[in-house]
Amino acid sequence: MLLLWLSLFKAETEEELKKIKEMGVPVMSQAINAYYTITASSEFREKERFRAKVRHDEAQALHNARKERELEIAKK
């Protein structure tokens, strides 16, 4: 049962969630249904969009810093 919960928490696609739900374990179906209910709210979606933007901005800043560092090294 622990492995089933771990697979639920690690699921990244709708297909993975579908496979877990198809196993017919009632508590897993309830957890997946609760997930869909929570993620359906506009407030949740807006927070997720904001988090994704922050992650993207951080990755872009890191990329730019590395690129600038490489240019500095190349100039020396």
PDB file of N, CA and C in Angstrom:
ATOM      1  N   MET A   1       0.826  -1.189   0.000  1.00  0.00           N
ATOM      2  CA  MET A   1       0.000   0.000   0.000  1.00  0.00           C
ATOM      3  C   MET A   1       0.877   1.262   0.000  1.00  0.00           C
ATOM      4  N   LEU A   2       2.008   1.181   0.714  1.00  0.00           N
ATOM      5  CA  LEU A   2       2.929   2.316   0.742  1.00  0.00           C
ATOM      6  C   LEU A   2       3.447   2.641  -0.658  1.00  0.00           C
ATOM      7  N   LEU A   3       3.788   1.603  -1.422  1.00  0.00           N
ATOM      8  CA  LEU A   3       4.270   1.827  -2.793  1.00  0.00           C
ATOM      9  C   LEU A   3       3.194   2.461  -3.668  1.00  0.00           C
ATOM     10  N   LEU A   4       1.952   2.103  -3.429  1.00  0.00           N
ATOM     11  CA  LEU A   4       0.851   2.686  -4.190  1.00  0.00           C
ATOM     12  C   LEU A   4       0.718   4.179  -3.879  1.00  0.00           C
ATOM     13  N   TRP A   5       0.818   4.535  -2.606  1.00  0.00           N
ATOM     14  CA  TRP A   5       0.776   5.951  -2.233  1.00  0.00           C
ATOM     15  C   TRP A   5       1.957   6.705  -2.829  1.00  0.00           C
ATOM     16  N   LEU A   6       3.125   6.101  -2.788  1.00  0.00           N
ATOM     17  CA  LEU A   6       4.296   6.752  -3.375  1.00  0.00           C
ATOM     18  C   LEU A   6       4.125   6.965  -4.870  1.00  0.00           C
ATOM     19  N   SER A   7       3.550   5.987  -5.550  1.00  0.00           N
ATOM     20  CA  SER A   7       3.328   6.146  -6.993  1.00  0.00           C
ATOM     21  C   SER A   7       2.319   7.262  -7.250  1.00  0.00           C
ATOM     22  N   LEU A   8       1.360   7.426  -6.356  1.00  0.00           N
ATOM     23  CA  LEU A   8       0.385   8.515  -6.506  1.00  0.00           C
ATOM     24  C   LEU A   8       1.084   9.868  -6.357  1.00  0.00           C
ATOM     25  N   PHE A   9       1.939   9.996  -5.354  1.00  0.00           N
ATOM     26  CA  PHE A   9       2.629  11.256  -5.114  1.00  0.00           C
ATOM     27  C   PHE A   9       3.640  11.579  -6.216  1.00  0.00           C
ATOM     28  N   LYS A  10       4.190  10.558  -6.847  1.00  0.00           N
ATOM     29  CA  LYS A  10       5.169  10.777  -7.907  1.00  0.00           C
ATOM     30  C   LYS A  10       4.527  10.949  -9.285  1.00  0.00           C
ATOM     31  N   ALA A  11       3.238  10.666  -9.399  1.00  0.00           N
ATOM     32  CA  ALA A  11       2.556  10.733 -10.698  1.00  0.00           C
ATOM     33  C   ALA A  11       2.681  12.139 -11.288  1.00  0.00           C
ATOM     34  N   GLU A  12       3.068  12.201 -12.551  1.00  0.00           N
ATOM     35  CA  GLU A  12       3.252  13.479 -13.227  1.00  0.00           C
ATOM     36  C   GLU A  12       2.302  13.678 -14.404  1.00  0.00           C
ATOM     37  N   THR A  13       1.616  12.616 -14.800  1.00  0.00           N
ATOM     38  CA  THR A  13       0.731  12.734 -15.953  1.00  0.00           C
ATOM     39  C   THR A  13      -0.662  12.204 -15.615  1.00  0.00           C
ATOM     40  N   GLU A  14      -1.613  12.600 -16.434  1.00  0.00           N
ATOM     41  CA  GLU A  14      -2.984  12.100 -16.289  1.00  0.00           C
ATOM     42  C   GLU A  14      -3.021  10.587 -16.489  1.00  0.00           C
ATOM     43  N   GLU A  15      -2.178  10.102 -17.391  1.00  0.00           N
ATOM     44  CA  GLU A  15      -2.122   8.663 -17.671  1.00  0.00           C
ATOM     45  C   GLU A  15      -1.704   7.883 -16.423  1.00  0.00           C
ATOM     46  N   GLU A  16      -0.718   8.397 -15.705  1.00  0.00           N
ATOM     47  CA  GLU A  16      -0.284   7.733 -14.480  1.00  0.00           C
ATOM     48  C   GLU A  16      -1.401   7.707 -13.438  1.00  0.00           C
ATOM     49  N   LEU A  17      -2.116   8.812 -13.301  1.00  0.00           N
ATOM     50  CA  LEU A  17      -3.239   8.860 -12.356  1.00  0.00           C
ATOM     51  C   LEU A  17      -4.338   7.883 -12.773  1.00  0.00           C
ATOM     52  N   LYS A  18      -4.579   7.815 -14.073  1.00  0.00           N
ATOM     53  CA  LYS A  18      -5.605   6.908 -14.587  1.00  0.00           C
ATOM     54  C   LYS A  18      -5.258   5.453 -14.261  1.00  0.00           C
ATOM     55  N   LYS A  19      -3.993   5.090 -14.451  1.00  0.00           N
ATOM     56  CA  LYS A  19      -3.566   3.716 -14.164  1.00  0.00           C
ATOM     57  C   LYS A  19      -3.757   3.378 -12.688  1.00  0.00           C
ATOM     58  N   ILE A  20      -3.436   4.329 -11.809  1.00  0.00           N
ATOM     59  CA  ILE A  20      -3.610   4.099 -10.373  1.00  0.00           C
ATOM     60  C   ILE A  20      -5.095   3.938 -10.043  1.00  0.00           C
ATOM     61  N   LYS A  21      -5.907   4.794 -10.629  1.00  0.00           N
ATOM     62  CA  LYS A  21      -7.351   4.738 -10.367  1.00  0.00           C
ATOM     63  C   LYS A  21      -7.947   3.426 -10.871  1.00  0.00           C
ATOM     64  N   GLU A  22      -7.433   2.928 -12.000  1.00  0.00           N
ATOM     65  CA  GLU A  22      -7.943   1.678 -12.586  1.00  0.00           C
ATOM     66  C   GLU A  22      -7.609   0.448 -11.740  1.00  0.00           C
ATOM     67  N   MET A  23      -6.707   0.593 -10.774  1.00  0.00           N
ATOM     68  CA  MET A  23      -6.381  -0.529  -9.898  1.00  0.00           C
ATOM     69  C   MET A  23      -7.550  -0.896  -8.981  1.00  0.00           C
ATOM     70  N   GLY A  24      -8.492   0.020  -8.845  1.00  0.00           N
ATOM     71  CA  GLY A  24      -9.700  -0.278  -8.089  1.00  0.00           C
ATOM     72  C   GLY A  24      -9.549  -0.220  -6.577  1.00  0.00           C
ATOM     73  N   VAL A  25      -8.530   0.483  -6.100  1.00  0.00           N
ATOM     74  CA  VAL A  25      -8.356   0.645  -4.657  1.00  0.00           C
ATOM     75  C   VAL A  25      -9.154   1.884  -4.253  1.00  0.00           C
ATOM     76  N   PRO A  26     -10.225   1.707  -3.463  1.00  0.00           N
ATOM     77  CA  PRO A  26     -11.115   2.832  -3.146  1.00  0.00           C
ATOM     78  C   PRO A  26     -10.418   4.068  -2.582  1.00  0.00           C
ATOM     79  N   VAL A  27      -9.468   3.893  -1.686  1.00  0.00           N
ATOM     80  CA  VAL A  27      -8.817   5.059  -1.094  1.00  0.00           C
ATOM     81  C   VAL A  27      -7.996   5.824  -2.133  1.00  0.00           C
ATOM     82  N   MET A  28      -7.440   5.124  -3.112  1.00  0.00           N
ATOM     83  CA  MET A  28      -6.687   5.796  -4.173  1.00  0.00           C
ATOM     84  C   MET A  28      -7.636   6.596  -5.061  1.00  0.00           C
ATOM     85  N   SER A  29      -8.780   6.019  -5.377  1.00  0.00           N
ATOM     86  CA  SER A  29      -9.779   6.731  -6.184  1.00  0.00           C
ATOM     87  C   SER A  29     -10.247   7.977  -5.453  1.00  0.00           C
ATOM     88  N   GLN A  30     -10.458   7.863  -4.154  1.00  0.00           N
ATOM     89  CA  GLN A  30     -10.882   9.024  -3.363  1.00  0.00           C
ATOM     90  C   GLN A  30      -9.805  10.101  -3.355  1.00  0.00           C
ATOM     91  N   ALA A  31      -8.554   9.697  -3.212  1.00  0.00           N
ATOM     92  CA  ALA A  31      -7.454  10.663  -3.202  1.00  0.00           C
ATOM     93  C   ALA A  31      -7.336  11.368  -4.550  1.00  0.00           C
ATOM     94  N   ILE A  32      -7.479  10.622  -5.626  1.00  0.00           N
ATOM     95  CA  ILE A  32      -7.387  11.218  -6.968  1.00  0.00           C
ATOM     96  C   ILE A  32      -8.567  12.155  -7.206  1.00  0.00           C
ATOM     97  N   ASN A  33      -9.749  11.751  -6.787  1.00  0.00           N
ATOM     98  CA  ASN A  33     -10.916  12.631  -6.919  1.00  0.00           C
ATOM     99  C   ASN A  33     -10.730  13.911  -6.117  1.00  0.00           C
ATOM    100  N   ALA A  34     -10.175  13.805  -4.915  1.00  0.00           N
ATOM    101  CA  ALA A  34      -9.910  14.989  -4.092  1.00  0.00           C
ATOM    102  C   ALA A  34      -8.899  15.898  -4.784  1.00  0.00           C
ATOM    103  N   TYR A  35      -7.880  15.303  -5.391  1.00  0.00           N
ATOM    104  CA  TYR A  35      -6.882  16.071  -6.135  1.00  0.00           C
ATOM    105  C   TYR A  35      -7.538  16.855  -7.263  1.00  0.00           C
ATOM    106  N   TYR A  36      -8.413  16.192  -8.020  1.00  0.00           N
ATOM    107  CA  TYR A  36      -9.097  16.869  -9.126  1.00  0.00           C
ATOM    108  C   TYR A  36      -9.981  18.000  -8.614  1.00  0.00           C
ATOM    109  N   THR A  37     -10.623  17.794  -7.482  1.00  0.00           N
ATOM    110  CA  THR A  37     -11.472  18.837  -6.912  1.00  0.00           C
ATOM    111  C   THR A  37     -10.647  20.054  -6.521  1.00  0.00           C
ATOM    112  N   ILE A  38      -9.525  19.806  -5.870  1.00  0.00           N
ATOM    113  CA  ILE A  38      -8.663  20.908  -5.427  1.00  0.00           C
ATOM    114  C   ILE A  38      -8.079  21.652  -6.618  1.00  0.00           C
ATOM    115  N   THR A  39      -7.578  20.922  -7.587  1.00  0.00           N
ATOM    116  CA  THR A  39      -6.911  21.564  -8.724  1.00  0.00           C
ATOM    117  C   THR A  39      -7.885  22.232  -9.680  1.00  0.00           C
ATOM    118  N   ALA A  40      -9.162  21.970  -9.503  1.00  0.00           N
ATOM    119  CA  ALA A  40     -10.157  22.592 -10.378  1.00  0.00           C
ATOM    120  C   ALA A  40     -10.427  24.046  -9.992  1.00  0.00           C
ATOM    121  N   SER A  41     -10.037  24.461  -8.788  1.00  0.00           N
ATOM    122  CA  SER A  41     -10.331  25.824  -8.346  1.00  0.00           C
ATOM    123  C   SER A  41      -9.440  26.820  -9.085  1.00  0.00           C
ATOM    124  N   SER A  42     -10.006  27.962  -9.395  1.00  0.00           N
ATOM    125  CA  SER A  42      -9.250  28.992 -10.111  1.00  0.00           C
ATOM    126  C   SER A  42      -8.131  29.544  -9.231  1.00  0.00           C
ATOM    127  N   GLU A  43      -8.349  29.596  -7.923  1.00  0.00           N
ATOM    128  CA  GLU A  43      -7.315  30.077  -7.009  1.00  0.00           C
ATOM    129  C   GLU A  43      -6.092  29.158  -7.051  1.00  0.00           C
ATOM    130  N   PHE A  44      -6.323  27.851  -7.048  1.00  0.00           N
ATOM    131  CA  PHE A  44      -5.218  26.894  -7.106  1.00  0.00           C
ATOM    132  C   PHE A  44      -4.468  27.025  -8.429  1.00  0.00           C
ATOM    133  N   ARG A  45      -5.205  27.110  -9.529  1.00  0.00           N
ATOM    134  CA  ARG A  45      -4.557  27.229 -10.841  1.00  0.00           C
ATOM    135  C   ARG A  45      -3.709  28.499 -10.924  1.00  0.00           C
ATOM    136  N   GLU A  46      -4.220  29.596 -10.364  1.00  0.00           N
ATOM    137  CA  GLU A  46      -3.471  30.850 -10.388  1.00  0.00           C
ATOM    138  C   GLU A  46      -2.181  30.724  -9.573  1.00  0.00           C
ATOM    139  N   LYS A  47      -2.259  30.087  -8.416  1.00  0.00           N
ATOM    140  CA  LYS A  47      -1.049  29.884  -7.609  1.00  0.00           C
ATOM    141  C   LYS A  47      -0.049  29.006  -8.340  1.00  0.00           C
ATOM    142  N   GLU A  48      -0.529  27.969  -9.013  1.00  0.00           N
ATOM    143  CA  GLU A  48       0.361  27.099  -9.774  1.00  0.00           C
ATOM    144  C   GLU A  48       1.019  27.839 -10.930  1.00  0.00           C
ATOM    145  N   ARG A  49       0.263  28.701 -11.609  1.00  0.00           N
ATOM    146  CA  ARG A  49       0.855  29.499 -12.687  1.00  0.00           C
ATOM    147  C   ARG A  49       1.955  30.407 -12.136  1.00  0.00           C
ATOM    148  N   PHE A  50       1.687  31.010 -10.970  1.00  0.00           N
ATOM    149  CA  PHE A  50       2.675  31.884 -10.354  1.00  0.00           C
ATOM    150  C   PHE A  50       3.926  31.099  -9.979  1.00  0.00           C
ATOM    151  N   ARG A  51       3.748  29.915  -9.371  1.00  0.00           N
ATOM    152  CA  ARG A  51       4.898  29.082  -8.994  1.00  0.00           C
ATOM    153  C   ARG A  51       5.714  28.689 -10.218  1.00  0.00           C
ATOM    154  N   ALA A  52       5.025  28.327 -11.294  1.00  0.00           N
ATOM    155  CA  ALA A  52       5.719  27.940 -12.523  1.00  0.00           C
ATOM    156  C   ALA A  52       6.509  29.120 -13.085  1.00  0.00           C
ATOM    157  N   LYS A  53       5.925  30.320 -13.031  1.00  0.00           N
ATOM    158  CA  LYS A  53       6.614  31.506 -13.527  1.00  0.00           C
ATOM    159  C   LYS A  53       7.863  31.784 -12.689  1.00  0.00           C
ATOM    160  N   VAL A  54       7.741  31.653 -11.376  1.00  0.00           N
ATOM    161  CA  VAL A  54       8.895  31.874 -10.498  1.00  0.00           C
ATOM    162  C   VAL A  54       9.996  30.866 -10.804  1.00  0.00           C
ATOM    163  N   ARG A  55       9.627  29.588 -10.976  1.00  0.00           N
ATOM    164  CA  ARG A  55      10.632  28.565 -11.307  1.00  0.00           C
ATOM    165  C   ARG A  55      11.305  28.885 -12.636  1.00  0.00           C
ATOM    166  N   HIS A  56      10.516  29.307 -13.613  1.00  0.00           N
ATOM    167  CA  HIS A  56      11.065  29.659 -14.921  1.00  0.00           C
ATOM    168  C   HIS A  56      12.007  30.856 -14.808  1.00  0.00           C
ATOM    169  N   ASP A  57      11.580  31.881 -14.087  1.00  0.00           N
ATOM    170  CA  ASP A  57      12.413  33.077 -13.926  1.00  0.00           C
ATOM    171  C   ASP A  57      13.728  32.745 -13.227  1.00  0.00           C
ATOM    172  N   GLU A  58      13.666  31.885 -12.205  1.00  0.00           N
ATOM    173  CA  GLU A  58      14.892  31.482 -11.505  1.00  0.00           C
ATOM    174  C   GLU A  58      15.827  30.718 -12.439  1.00  0.00           C
ATOM    175  N   ALA A  59      15.281  29.818 -13.214  1.00  0.00           N
ATOM    176  CA  ALA A  59      16.093  29.045 -14.151  1.00  0.00           C
ATOM    177  C   ALA A  59      16.709  29.963 -15.204  1.00  0.00           C
ATOM    178  N   GLN A  60      15.950  30.933 -15.678  1.00  0.00           N
ATOM    179  CA  GLN A  60      16.455  31.873 -16.682  1.00  0.00           C
ATOM    180  C   GLN A  60      17.571  32.737 -16.097  1.00  0.00           C
ATOM    181  N   ALA A  61      17.391  33.183 -14.860  1.00  0.00           N
ATOM    182  CA  ALA A  61      18.421  33.999 -14.211  1.00  0.00           C
ATOM    183  C   ALA A  61      19.703  33.193 -14.026  1.00  0.00           C
ATOM    184  N   LEU A  62      19.584  31.944 -13.637  1.00  0.00           N
ATOM    185  CA  LEU A  62      20.748  31.078 -13.472  1.00  0.00           C
ATOM    186  C   LEU A  62      21.448  30.858 -14.817  1.00  0.00           C
ATOM    187  N   HIS A  63      20.667  30.619 -15.849  1.00  0.00           N
ATOM    188  CA  HIS A  63      21.228  30.436 -17.193  1.00  0.00           C
ATOM    189  C   HIS A  63      21.992  31.695 -17.622  1.00  0.00           C
ATOM    190  N   ASN A  64      21.380  32.851 -17.422  1.00  0.00           N
ATOM    191  CA  ASN A  64      22.029  34.110 -17.816  1.00  0.00           C
ATOM    192  C   ASN A  64      23.304  34.352 -17.022  1.00  0.00           C
ATOM    193  N   ALA A  65      23.286  34.023 -15.734  1.00  0.00           N
ATOM    194  CA  ALA A  65      24.478  34.206 -14.902  1.00  0.00           C
ATOM    195  C   ALA A  65      25.607  33.296 -15.385  1.00  0.00           C
ATOM    196  N   ARG A  66      25.279  32.062 -15.716  1.00  0.00           N
ATOM    197  CA  ARG A  66      26.297  31.133 -16.225  1.00  0.00           C
ATOM    198  C   ARG A  66      26.881  31.639 -17.549  1.00  0.00           C
ATOM    199  N   LYS A  67      26.005  32.126 -18.395  1.00  0.00           N
ATOM    200  CA  LYS A  67      26.440  32.629 -19.698  1.00  0.00           C
ATOM    201  C   LYS A  67      27.374  33.828 -19.525  1.00  0.00           C
ATOM    202  N   GLU A  68      27.005  34.744 -18.633  1.00  0.00           N
ATOM    203  CA  GLU A  68      27.856  35.908 -18.371  1.00  0.00           C
ATOM    204  C   GLU A  68      29.203  35.478 -17.799  1.00  0.00           C
ATOM    205  N   ARG A  69      29.182  34.496 -16.914  1.00  0.00           N
ATOM    206  CA  ARG A  69      30.423  33.992 -16.307  1.00  0.00           C
ATOM    207  C   ARG A  69      31.329  33.394 -17.382  1.00  0.00           C
ATOM    208  N   GLU A  70      30.744  32.644 -18.291  1.00  0.00           N
ATOM    209  CA  GLU A  70      31.533  32.051 -19.382  1.00  0.00           C
ATOM    210  C   GLU A  70      32.147  33.135 -20.261  1.00  0.00           C
ATOM    211  N   LEU A  71      31.406  34.193 -20.516  1.00  0.00           N
ATOM    212  CA  LEU A  71      31.942  35.298 -21.313  1.00  0.00           C
ATOM    213  C   LEU A  71      33.085  35.980 -20.597  1.00  0.00           C
ATOM    214  N   GLU A  72      32.961  36.155 -19.285  1.00  0.00           N
ATOM    215  CA  GLU A  72      34.022  36.759 -18.506  1.00  0.00           C
ATOM    216  C   GLU A  72      35.291  35.901 -18.570  1.00  0.00           C
ATOM    217  N   ILE A  73      35.133  34.617 -18.432  1.00  0.00           N
ATOM    218  CA  ILE A  73      36.272  33.687 -18.486  1.00  0.00           C
ATOM    219  C   ILE A  73      36.911  33.716 -19.873  1.00  0.00           C
ATOM    220  N   ALA A  74      36.088  33.765 -20.900  1.00  0.00           N
ATOM    221  CA  ALA A  74      36.602  33.778 -22.275  1.00  0.00           C
ATOM    222  C   ALA A  74      37.389  35.056 -22.558  1.00  0.00           C
ATOM    223  N   LYS A  75      36.997  36.164 -21.962  1.00  0.00           N
ATOM    224  CA  LYS A  75      37.684  37.430 -22.184  1.00  0.00           C
ATOM    225  C   LYS A  75      39.059  37.460 -21.535  1.00  0.00           C
ATOM    226  N   LYS A  76      39.266  36.649 -20.505  1.00  0.00           N
ATOM    227  CA  LYS A  76      40.546  36.665 -19.794  1.00  0.00           C
ATOM    228  C   LYS A  76      41.562  35.867 -20.479  1.00  0.00           C
TER     229      LYS A  76
END
